[in-house]
Amino acid sequence: RSITNWCRKNKIPVIDAGKAKYVISTFIDLYFES
């Protein structure tokens, strides 16, 4: 839940696929670069 909230706060989409949740690593890279 904390990870999901962090993603929502930083406008990083969380993708539900089956039982797992994923993020696109490019969004994470862009966040840190910014």
Full PDB file with SEQRES, HELIX, SHEET, SSBOND, CRYST1, ORIGX, SCALE, CONECT and MASTER records, all heavy atoms in Angstrom:
SEQRES   1 A   34  ARG SER ILE THR ASN TRP CYS ARG LYS ASN LYS ILE PRO          
SEQRES   2 A   34  VAL ILE ASP ALA GLY LYS ALA LYS TYR VAL ILE SER THR          
SEQRES   3 A   34  PHE ILE ASP LEU TYR PHE GLU SER                              
HELIX    1 AA1 SER A    2  LYS A    9  1                                   8    
HELIX    2 AA2 SER A   25  GLU A   33  1                                   9    
SHEET    1 AA1 2 VAL A  14  ALA A  17  0                                        
SHEET    2 AA1 2 ALA A  20  VAL A  23 -1                                        
CRYST1    1.000    1.000    1.000  90.00  90.00  90.00 P 1           1          
ORIGX1      1.000000  0.000000  0.000000        0.00000                         
ORIGX2      0.000000  1.000000  0.000000        0.00000                         
ORIGX3      0.000000  0.000000  1.000000        0.00000                         
SCALE1      1.000000  0.000000  0.000000        0.00000                         
SCALE2      0.000000  1.000000  0.000000        0.00000                         
SCALE3      0.000000  0.000000  1.000000        0.00000                         
ATOM      1  N   ARG A   1       0.829  -1.209   0.000  1.00  0.00           N  
ATOM      2  CA  ARG A   1       0.000   0.000   0.000  1.00  0.00           C  
ATOM      3  C   ARG A   1       0.864   1.260   0.000  1.00  0.00           C  
ATOM      4  O   ARG A   1       0.555   2.232  -0.697  1.00  0.00           O  
ATOM      5  CB  ARG A   1      -0.943  -0.025   1.208  1.00  0.00           C  
ATOM      6  CG  ARG A   1      -2.000   1.059   1.134  1.00  0.00           C  
ATOM      7  CD  ARG A   1      -2.977   0.940   2.269  1.00  0.00           C  
ATOM      8  NE  ARG A   1      -2.241   1.177   3.506  1.00  0.00           N  
ATOM      9  CZ  ARG A   1      -2.737   1.005   4.713  1.00  0.00           C  
ATOM     10  NH1 ARG A   1      -3.947   0.573   4.875  1.00  0.00           N  
ATOM     11  NH2 ARG A   1      -2.013   1.252   5.782  1.00  0.00           N  
ATOM     12  N   SER A   2       1.960   1.249   0.755  1.00  0.00           N  
ATOM     13  CA  SER A   2       2.863   2.406   0.786  1.00  0.00           C  
ATOM     14  C   SER A   2       3.510   2.634  -0.580  1.00  0.00           C  
ATOM     15  O   SER A   2       3.641   3.771  -1.039  1.00  0.00           O  
ATOM     16  CB  SER A   2       3.964   2.209   1.832  1.00  0.00           C  
ATOM     17  OG  SER A   2       3.415   2.139   3.117  1.00  0.00           O  
ATOM     18  N   ILE A   3       3.891   1.549  -1.223  1.00  0.00           N  
ATOM     19  CA  ILE A   3       4.508   1.648  -2.552  1.00  0.00           C  
ATOM     20  C   ILE A   3       3.489   2.211  -3.549  1.00  0.00           C  
ATOM     21  O   ILE A   3       3.806   3.102  -4.339  1.00  0.00           O  
ATOM     22  CB  ILE A   3       5.014   0.267  -3.023  1.00  0.00           C  
ATOM     23  CG1 ILE A   3       5.997  -0.313  -2.018  1.00  0.00           C  
ATOM     24  CG2 ILE A   3       5.656   0.371  -4.397  1.00  0.00           C  
ATOM     25  CD1 ILE A   3       6.269  -1.788  -2.198  1.00  0.00           C  
ATOM     26  N   THR A   4       2.264   1.688  -3.494  1.00  0.00           N  
ATOM     27  CA  THR A   4       1.200   2.161  -4.388  1.00  0.00           C  
ATOM     28  C   THR A   4       0.907   3.636  -4.151  1.00  0.00           C  
ATOM     29  O   THR A   4       0.722   4.405  -5.105  1.00  0.00           O  
ATOM     30  CB  THR A   4      -0.075   1.317  -4.195  1.00  0.00           C  
ATOM     31  OG1 THR A   4       0.261  -0.055  -4.370  1.00  0.00           O  
ATOM     32  CG2 THR A   4      -1.148   1.704  -5.185  1.00  0.00           C  
ATOM     33  N   ASN A   5       0.868   4.055  -2.891  1.00  0.00           N  
ATOM     34  CA  ASN A   5       0.636   5.473  -2.579  1.00  0.00           C  
ATOM     35  C   ASN A   5       1.770   6.346  -3.101  1.00  0.00           C  
ATOM     36  O   ASN A   5       1.533   7.436  -3.624  1.00  0.00           O  
ATOM     37  CB  ASN A   5       0.461   5.673  -1.072  1.00  0.00           C  
ATOM     38  CG  ASN A   5      -0.861   5.173  -0.567  1.00  0.00           C  
ATOM     39  OD1 ASN A   5      -1.832   5.049  -1.321  1.00  0.00           O  
ATOM     40  ND2 ASN A   5      -0.920   4.846   0.709  1.00  0.00           N  
ATOM     41  N   TRP A   6       3.010   5.859  -2.978  1.00  0.00           N  
ATOM     42  CA  TRP A   6       4.145   6.614  -3.501  1.00  0.00           C  
ATOM     43  C   TRP A   6       4.016   6.781  -5.011  1.00  0.00           C  
ATOM     44  O   TRP A   6       4.253   7.859  -5.544  1.00  0.00           O  
ATOM     45  CB  TRP A   6       5.456   5.901  -3.138  1.00  0.00           C  
ATOM     46  CG  TRP A   6       6.666   6.663  -3.584  1.00  0.00           C  
ATOM     47  CD1 TRP A   6       7.325   7.627  -2.889  1.00  0.00           C  
ATOM     48  CD2 TRP A   6       7.342   6.537  -4.849  1.00  0.00           C  
ATOM     49  NE1 TRP A   6       8.379   8.107  -3.645  1.00  0.00           N  
ATOM     50  CE2 TRP A   6       8.411   7.456  -4.845  1.00  0.00           C  
ATOM     51  CE3 TRP A   6       7.146   5.743  -5.964  1.00  0.00           C  
ATOM     52  CZ2 TRP A   6       9.279   7.596  -5.914  1.00  0.00           C  
ATOM     53  CZ3 TRP A   6       8.018   5.888  -7.034  1.00  0.00           C  
ATOM     54  CH2 TRP A   6       9.068   6.807  -7.001  1.00  0.00           C  
ATOM     55  N   CYS A   7       3.618   5.693  -5.681  1.00  0.00           N  
ATOM     56  CA  CYS A   7       3.442   5.748  -7.135  1.00  0.00           C  
ATOM     57  C   CYS A   7       2.348   6.744  -7.514  1.00  0.00           C  
ATOM     58  O   CYS A   7       2.522   7.549  -8.437  1.00  0.00           O  
ATOM     59  CB  CYS A   7       3.107   4.362  -7.692  1.00  0.00           C  
ATOM     60  SG  CYS A   7       4.483   3.218  -7.669  1.00  0.00           S  
ATOM     61  N   ARG A   8       1.236   6.694  -6.813  1.00  0.00           N  
ATOM     62  CA  ARG A   8       0.116   7.605  -7.102  1.00  0.00           C  
ATOM     63  C   ARG A   8       0.560   9.057  -6.896  1.00  0.00           C  
ATOM     64  O   ARG A   8       0.287   9.926  -7.727  1.00  0.00           O  
ATOM     65  CB  ARG A   8      -1.060   7.266  -6.187  1.00  0.00           C  
ATOM     66  CG  ARG A   8      -2.325   8.037  -6.539  1.00  0.00           C  
ATOM     67  CD  ARG A   8      -3.521   7.657  -5.670  1.00  0.00           C  
ATOM     68  NE  ARG A   8      -3.761   6.208  -5.679  1.00  0.00           N  
ATOM     69  CZ  ARG A   8      -3.700   5.428  -4.587  1.00  0.00           C  
ATOM     70  NH1 ARG A   8      -3.412   5.937  -3.410  1.00  0.00           N  
ATOM     71  NH2 ARG A   8      -3.933   4.137  -4.680  1.00  0.00           N  
ATOM     72  N   LYS A   9       1.261   9.320  -5.796  1.00  0.00           N  
ATOM     73  CA  LYS A   9       1.731  10.677  -5.488  1.00  0.00           C  
ATOM     74  C   LYS A   9       2.675  11.203  -6.566  1.00  0.00           C  
ATOM     75  O   LYS A   9       2.649  12.391  -6.904  1.00  0.00           O  
ATOM     76  CB  LYS A   9       2.444  10.657  -4.134  1.00  0.00           C  
ATOM     77  CG  LYS A   9       3.063  11.959  -3.730  1.00  0.00           C  
ATOM     78  CD  LYS A   9       3.821  11.797  -2.417  1.00  0.00           C  
ATOM     79  CE  LYS A   9       4.788  12.940  -2.259  1.00  0.00           C  
ATOM     80  NZ  LYS A   9       5.855  12.643  -1.335  1.00  0.00           N  
ATOM     81  N   ASN A  10       3.482  10.319  -7.138  1.00  0.00           N  
ATOM     82  CA  ASN A  10       4.469  10.728  -8.137  1.00  0.00           C  
ATOM     83  C   ASN A  10       4.029  10.446  -9.575  1.00  0.00           C  
ATOM     84  O   ASN A  10       4.849  10.484 -10.491  1.00  0.00           O  
ATOM     85  CB  ASN A  10       5.807  10.051  -7.837  1.00  0.00           C  
ATOM     86  CG  ASN A  10       6.392  10.569  -6.553  1.00  0.00           C  
ATOM     87  OD1 ASN A  10       6.784  11.728  -6.483  1.00  0.00           O  
ATOM     88  ND2 ASN A  10       6.425   9.746  -5.520  1.00  0.00           N  
ATOM     89  N   LYS A  11       2.751  10.165  -9.741  1.00  0.00           N  
ATOM     90  CA  LYS A  11       2.138   9.975 -11.061  1.00  0.00           C  
ATOM     91  C   LYS A  11       2.803   8.861 -11.860  1.00  0.00           C  
ATOM     92  O   LYS A  11       3.043   8.980 -13.058  1.00  0.00           O  
ATOM     93  CB  LYS A  11       2.130  11.278 -11.844  1.00  0.00           C  
ATOM     94  CG  LYS A  11       1.321  12.360 -11.168  1.00  0.00           C  
ATOM     95  CD  LYS A  11       1.312  13.646 -11.928  1.00  0.00           C  
ATOM     96  CE  LYS A  11       0.465  14.637 -11.177  1.00  0.00           C  
ATOM     97  NZ  LYS A  11       1.044  15.931 -11.054  1.00  0.00           N  
ATOM     98  N   ILE A  12       3.092   7.761 -11.179  1.00  0.00           N  
ATOM     99  CA  ILE A  12       3.670   6.583 -11.817  1.00  0.00           C  
ATOM    100  C   ILE A  12       2.586   5.514 -11.860  1.00  0.00           C  
ATOM    101  O   ILE A  12       2.072   5.116 -10.810  1.00  0.00           O  
ATOM    102  CB  ILE A  12       4.911   6.087 -11.050  1.00  0.00           C  
ATOM    103  CG1 ILE A  12       5.985   7.180 -11.103  1.00  0.00           C  
ATOM    104  CG2 ILE A  12       5.409   4.771 -11.616  1.00  0.00           C  
ATOM    105  CD1 ILE A  12       7.185   6.933 -10.248  1.00  0.00           C  
ATOM    106  N   PRO A  13       2.184   5.078 -13.048  1.00  0.00           N  
ATOM    107  CA  PRO A  13       1.082   4.115 -13.146  1.00  0.00           C  
ATOM    108  C   PRO A  13       1.460   2.742 -12.599  1.00  0.00           C  
ATOM    109  O   PRO A  13       2.573   2.257 -12.801  1.00  0.00           O  
ATOM    110  CB  PRO A  13       0.803   4.036 -14.652  1.00  0.00           C  
ATOM    111  CG  PRO A  13       2.064   4.500 -15.298  1.00  0.00           C  
ATOM    112  CD  PRO A  13       2.728   5.446 -14.357  1.00  0.00           C  
ATOM    113  N   VAL A  14       0.515   2.149 -11.878  1.00  0.00           N  
ATOM    114  CA  VAL A  14       0.660   0.788 -11.366  1.00  0.00           C  
ATOM    115  C   VAL A  14      -0.240  -0.101 -12.218  1.00  0.00           C  
ATOM    116  O   VAL A  14      -1.426   0.183 -12.390  1.00  0.00           O  
ATOM    117  CB  VAL A  14       0.267   0.704  -9.880  1.00  0.00           C  
ATOM    118  CG1 VAL A  14       0.321  -0.733  -9.386  1.00  0.00           C  
ATOM    119  CG2 VAL A  14       1.176   1.590  -9.040  1.00  0.00           C  
ATOM    120  N   ILE A  15       0.329  -1.176 -12.744  1.00  0.00           N  
ATOM    121  CA  ILE A  15      -0.401  -2.063 -13.648  1.00  0.00           C  
ATOM    122  C   ILE A  15      -0.684  -3.379 -12.931  1.00  0.00           C  
ATOM    123  O   ILE A  15       0.235  -4.030 -12.432  1.00  0.00           O  
ATOM    124  CB  ILE A  15       0.432  -2.327 -14.920  1.00  0.00           C  
ATOM    125  CG1 ILE A  15       0.729  -1.004 -15.626  1.00  0.00           C  
ATOM    126  CG2 ILE A  15      -0.270  -3.308 -15.841  1.00  0.00           C  
ATOM    127  CD1 ILE A  15       1.862  -1.073 -16.610  1.00  0.00           C  
ATOM    128  N   ASP A  16      -1.973  -3.745 -12.857  1.00  0.00           N  
ATOM    129  CA  ASP A  16      -2.357  -5.040 -12.301  1.00  0.00           C  
ATOM    130  C   ASP A  16      -2.333  -6.068 -13.421  1.00  0.00           C  
ATOM    131  O   ASP A  16      -2.958  -5.882 -14.456  1.00  0.00           O  
ATOM    132  CB  ASP A  16      -3.773  -4.983 -11.719  1.00  0.00           C  
ATOM    133  CG  ASP A  16      -3.857  -4.101 -10.485  1.00  0.00           C  
ATOM    134  OD1 ASP A  16      -2.876  -4.064  -9.732  1.00  0.00           O  
ATOM    135  OD2 ASP A  16      -4.903  -3.459 -10.273  1.00  0.00           O  
ATOM    136  N   ALA A  17      -1.615  -7.152 -13.208  1.00  0.00           N  
ATOM    137  CA  ALA A  17      -1.561  -8.234 -14.193  1.00  0.00           C  
ATOM    138  C   ALA A  17      -1.587  -9.550 -13.423  1.00  0.00           C  
ATOM    139  O   ALA A  17      -0.591  -9.924 -12.803  1.00  0.00           O  
ATOM    140  CB  ALA A  17      -0.313  -8.135 -15.057  1.00  0.00           C  
ATOM    141  N   GLY A  18      -2.733 -10.193 -13.457  1.00  0.00           N  
ATOM    142  CA  GLY A  18      -2.881 -11.424 -12.692  1.00  0.00           C  
ATOM    143  C   GLY A  18      -2.835 -11.114 -11.213  1.00  0.00           C  
ATOM    144  O   GLY A  18      -3.501 -10.214 -10.726  1.00  0.00           O  
ATOM    145  N   LYS A  19      -2.003 -11.837 -10.493  1.00  0.00           N  
ATOM    146  CA  LYS A  19      -1.880 -11.621  -9.057  1.00  0.00           C  
ATOM    147  C   LYS A  19      -0.809 -10.592  -8.703  1.00  0.00           C  
ATOM    148  O   LYS A  19      -0.682 -10.201  -7.553  1.00  0.00           O  
ATOM    149  CB  LYS A  19      -1.543 -12.944  -8.362  1.00  0.00           C  
ATOM    150  CG  LYS A  19      -2.667 -13.947  -8.402  1.00  0.00           C  
ATOM    151  CD  LYS A  19      -2.283 -15.192  -7.637  1.00  0.00           C  
ATOM    152  CE  LYS A  19      -3.427 -16.190  -7.652  1.00  0.00           C  
ATOM    153  NZ  LYS A  19      -3.079 -17.398  -6.887  1.00  0.00           N  
ATOM    154  N   ALA A  20      -0.038 -10.182  -9.675  1.00  0.00           N  
ATOM    155  CA  ALA A  20       1.079  -9.259  -9.421  1.00  0.00           C  
ATOM    156  C   ALA A  20       0.746  -7.844  -9.893  1.00  0.00           C  
ATOM    157  O   ALA A  20      -0.136  -7.632 -10.720  1.00  0.00           O  
ATOM    158  CB  ALA A  20       2.323  -9.759 -10.129  1.00  0.00           C  
ATOM    159  N   LYS A  21       1.471  -6.888  -9.346  1.00  0.00           N  
ATOM    160  CA  LYS A  21       1.372  -5.493  -9.760  1.00  0.00           C  
ATOM    161  C   LYS A  21       2.747  -5.050 -10.243  1.00  0.00           C  
ATOM    162  O   LYS A  21       3.775  -5.444  -9.692  1.00  0.00           O  
ATOM    163  CB  LYS A  21       0.917  -4.618  -8.601  1.00  0.00           C  
ATOM    164  CG  LYS A  21      -0.509  -4.898  -8.176  1.00  0.00           C  
ATOM    165  CD  LYS A  21      -0.942  -3.954  -7.094  1.00  0.00           C  
ATOM    166  CE  LYS A  21      -2.378  -4.269  -6.707  1.00  0.00           C  
ATOM    167  NZ  LYS A  21      -2.891  -3.317  -5.741  1.00  0.00           N  
ATOM    168  N   TYR A  22       2.733  -4.220 -11.279  1.00  0.00           N  
ATOM    169  CA  TYR A  22       3.969  -3.795 -11.918  1.00  0.00           C  
ATOM    170  C   TYR A  22       3.978  -2.287 -12.138  1.00  0.00           C  
ATOM    171  O   TYR A  22       2.939  -1.636 -12.150  1.00  0.00           O  
ATOM    172  CB  TYR A  22       4.124  -4.463 -13.291  1.00  0.00           C  
ATOM    173  CG  TYR A  22       4.171  -5.967 -13.234  1.00  0.00           C  
ATOM    174  CD1 TYR A  22       3.012  -6.726 -13.369  1.00  0.00           C  
ATOM    175  CD2 TYR A  22       5.378  -6.639 -13.062  1.00  0.00           C  
ATOM    176  CE1 TYR A  22       3.050  -8.110 -13.322  1.00  0.00           C  
ATOM    177  CE2 TYR A  22       5.429  -8.016 -13.015  1.00  0.00           C  
ATOM    178  CZ  TYR A  22       4.260  -8.746 -13.148  1.00  0.00           C  
ATOM    179  OH  TYR A  22       4.308 -10.116 -13.100  1.00  0.00           O  
ATOM    180  N   VAL A  23       5.186  -1.764 -12.349  1.00  0.00           N  
ATOM    181  CA  VAL A  23       5.370  -0.390 -12.812  1.00  0.00           C  
ATOM    182  C   VAL A  23       6.326  -0.446 -14.008  1.00  0.00           C  
ATOM    183  O   VAL A  23       7.097  -1.392 -14.151  1.00  0.00           O  
ATOM    184  CB  VAL A  23       5.947   0.535 -11.716  1.00  0.00           C  
ATOM    185  CG1 VAL A  23       4.958   0.743 -10.605  1.00  0.00           C  
ATOM    186  CG2 VAL A  23       7.260   0.022 -11.173  1.00  0.00           C  
ATOM    187  N   ILE A  24       6.250   0.568 -14.836  1.00  0.00           N  
ATOM    188  CA  ILE A  24       7.168   0.676 -15.973  1.00  0.00           C  
ATOM    189  C   ILE A  24       8.454   1.323 -15.446  1.00  0.00           C  
ATOM    190  O   ILE A  24       8.417   2.430 -14.906  1.00  0.00           O  
ATOM    191  CB  ILE A  24       6.554   1.527 -17.109  1.00  0.00           C  
ATOM    192  CG1 ILE A  24       5.181   1.020 -17.513  1.00  0.00           C  
ATOM    193  CG2 ILE A  24       7.499   1.604 -18.296  1.00  0.00           C  
ATOM    194  CD1 ILE A  24       5.156  -0.354 -18.112  1.00  0.00           C  
ATOM    195  N   SER A  25       9.567   0.639 -15.609  1.00  0.00           N  
ATOM    196  CA  SER A  25      10.820   1.133 -15.027  1.00  0.00           C  
ATOM    197  C   SER A  25      11.259   2.473 -15.629  1.00  0.00           C  
ATOM    198  O   SER A  25      11.945   3.246 -14.967  1.00  0.00           O  
ATOM    199  CB  SER A  25      11.926   0.093 -15.150  1.00  0.00           C  
ATOM    200  OG  SER A  25      12.141  -0.262 -16.480  1.00  0.00           O  
ATOM    201  N   THR A  26      10.841   2.771 -16.837  1.00  0.00           N  
ATOM    202  CA  THR A  26      11.182   4.061 -17.447  1.00  0.00           C  
ATOM    203  C   THR A  26      10.603   5.217 -16.632  1.00  0.00           C  
ATOM    204  O   THR A  26      11.255   6.246 -16.460  1.00  0.00           O  
ATOM    205  CB  THR A  26      10.664   4.129 -18.901  1.00  0.00           C  
ATOM    206  OG1 THR A  26      11.209   3.032 -19.625  1.00  0.00           O  
ATOM    207  CG2 THR A  26      11.054   5.428 -19.564  1.00  0.00           C  
ATOM    208  N   PHE A  27       9.385   5.036 -16.106  1.00  0.00           N  
ATOM    209  CA  PHE A  27       8.784   6.075 -15.263  1.00  0.00           C  
ATOM    210  C   PHE A  27       9.623   6.287 -14.000  1.00  0.00           C  
ATOM    211  O   PHE A  27       9.798   7.426 -13.549  1.00  0.00           O  
ATOM    212  CB  PHE A  27       7.351   5.711 -14.865  1.00  0.00           C  
ATOM    213  CG  PHE A  27       6.350   5.928 -15.957  1.00  0.00           C  
ATOM    214  CD1 PHE A  27       5.914   4.869 -16.731  1.00  0.00           C  
ATOM    215  CD2 PHE A  27       5.836   7.186 -16.210  1.00  0.00           C  
ATOM    216  CE1 PHE A  27       4.986   5.057 -17.733  1.00  0.00           C  
ATOM    217  CE2 PHE A  27       4.908   7.383 -17.220  1.00  0.00           C  
ATOM    218  CZ  PHE A  27       4.480   6.330 -17.989  1.00  0.00           C  
ATOM    219  N   ILE A  28      10.139   5.200 -13.442  1.00  0.00           N  
ATOM    220  CA  ILE A  28      10.973   5.306 -12.240  1.00  0.00           C  
ATOM    221  C   ILE A  28      12.274   6.027 -12.585  1.00  0.00           C  
ATOM    222  O   ILE A  28      12.702   6.933 -11.861  1.00  0.00           O  
ATOM    223  CB  ILE A  28      11.279   3.899 -11.657  1.00  0.00           C  
ATOM    224  CG1 ILE A  28       9.993   3.116 -11.387  1.00  0.00           C  
ATOM    225  CG2 ILE A  28      12.151   3.994 -10.420  1.00  0.00           C  
ATOM    226  CD1 ILE A  28       9.030   3.760 -10.441  1.00  0.00           C  
ATOM    227  N   ASP A  29      12.894   5.666 -13.705  1.00  0.00           N  
ATOM    228  CA  ASP A  29      14.128   6.328 -14.147  1.00  0.00           C  
ATOM    229  C   ASP A  29      13.893   7.826 -14.358  1.00  0.00           C  
ATOM    230  O   ASP A  29      14.710   8.656 -13.946  1.00  0.00           O  
ATOM    231  CB  ASP A  29      14.648   5.712 -15.443  1.00  0.00           C  
ATOM    232  CG  ASP A  29      15.102   4.277 -15.282  1.00  0.00           C  
ATOM    233  OD1 ASP A  29      15.364   3.851 -14.137  1.00  0.00           O  
ATOM    234  OD2 ASP A  29      15.184   3.569 -16.306  1.00  0.00           O  
ATOM    235  N   LEU A  30      12.786   8.170 -15.005  1.00  0.00           N  
ATOM    236  CA  LEU A  30      12.477   9.582 -15.255  1.00  0.00           C  
ATOM    237  C   LEU A  30      12.244  10.340 -13.955  1.00  0.00           C  
ATOM    238  O   LEU A  30      12.640  11.500 -13.825  1.00  0.00           O  
ATOM    239  CB  LEU A  30      11.266   9.712 -16.170  1.00  0.00           C  
ATOM    240  CG  LEU A  30      11.493   9.275 -17.614  1.00  0.00           C  
ATOM    241  CD1 LEU A  30      10.170   9.267 -18.385  1.00  0.00           C  
ATOM    242  CD2 LEU A  30      12.503  10.170 -18.295  1.00  0.00           C  
ATOM    243  N   TYR A  31      11.607   9.682 -12.988  1.00  0.00           N  
ATOM    244  CA  TYR A  31      11.383  10.318 -11.688  1.00  0.00           C  
ATOM    245  C   TYR A  31      12.725  10.669 -11.041  1.00  0.00           C  
ATOM    246  O   TYR A  31      12.937  11.797 -10.614  1.00  0.00           O  
ATOM    247  CB  TYR A  31      10.566   9.406 -10.757  1.00  0.00           C  
ATOM    248  CG  TYR A  31      10.556   9.917  -9.345  1.00  0.00           C  
ATOM    249  CD1 TYR A  31       9.707  10.953  -8.964  1.00  0.00           C  
ATOM    250  CD2 TYR A  31      11.434   9.409  -8.389  1.00  0.00           C  
ATOM    251  CE1 TYR A  31       9.733  11.452  -7.674  1.00  0.00           C  
ATOM    252  CE2 TYR A  31      11.460   9.906  -7.108  1.00  0.00           C  
ATOM    253  CZ  TYR A  31      10.610  10.923  -6.748  1.00  0.00           C  
ATOM    254  OH  TYR A  31      10.637  11.419  -5.476  1.00  0.00           O  
ATOM    255  N   PHE A  32      13.639   9.690 -10.972  1.00  0.00           N  
ATOM    256  CA  PHE A  32      14.933   9.938 -10.329  1.00  0.00           C  
ATOM    257  C   PHE A  32      15.747  10.969 -11.105  1.00  0.00           C  
ATOM    258  O   PHE A  32      16.410  11.818 -10.511  1.00  0.00           O  
ATOM    259  CB  PHE A  32      15.714   8.640 -10.145  1.00  0.00           C  
ATOM    260  CG  PHE A  32      15.200   7.813  -9.002  1.00  0.00           C  
ATOM    261  CD1 PHE A  32      14.587   6.599  -9.231  1.00  0.00           C  
ATOM    262  CD2 PHE A  32      15.319   8.260  -7.694  1.00  0.00           C  
ATOM    263  CE1 PHE A  32      14.098   5.846  -8.171  1.00  0.00           C  
ATOM    264  CE2 PHE A  32      14.838   7.514  -6.630  1.00  0.00           C  
ATOM    265  CZ  PHE A  32      14.228   6.295  -6.868  1.00  0.00           C  
ATOM    266  N   GLU A  33      15.688  10.908 -12.422  1.00  0.00           N  
ATOM    267  CA  GLU A  33      16.392  11.891 -13.243  1.00  0.00           C  
ATOM    268  C   GLU A  33      15.873  13.296 -12.951  1.00  0.00           C  
ATOM    269  O   GLU A  33      16.645  14.246 -12.801  1.00  0.00           O  
ATOM    270  CB  GLU A  33      16.205  11.557 -14.719  1.00  0.00           C  
ATOM    271  CG  GLU A  33      16.887  12.522 -15.651  1.00  0.00           C  
ATOM    272  CD  GLU A  33      16.614  12.196 -17.105  1.00  0.00           C  
ATOM    273  OE1 GLU A  33      16.522  11.006 -17.448  1.00  0.00           O  
ATOM    274  OE2 GLU A  33      16.486  13.153 -17.893  1.00  0.00           O  
ATOM    275  N   SER A  34      14.567  13.433 -12.854  1.00  0.00           N  
ATOM    276  CA  SER A  34      13.944  14.718 -12.550  1.00  0.00           C  
ATOM    277  C   SER A  34      14.384  15.239 -11.181  1.00  0.00           C  
ATOM    278  O   SER A  34      14.682  16.428 -11.023  1.00  0.00           O  
ATOM    279  CB  SER A  34      12.422  14.573 -12.597  1.00  0.00           C  
ATOM    280  OG  SER A  34      11.796  15.702 -12.087  1.00  0.00           O  
TER     281      SER A  34                                                      
MASTER        0    0    0    2    2    0    0    6  280    1    0    3          
END                                                                             
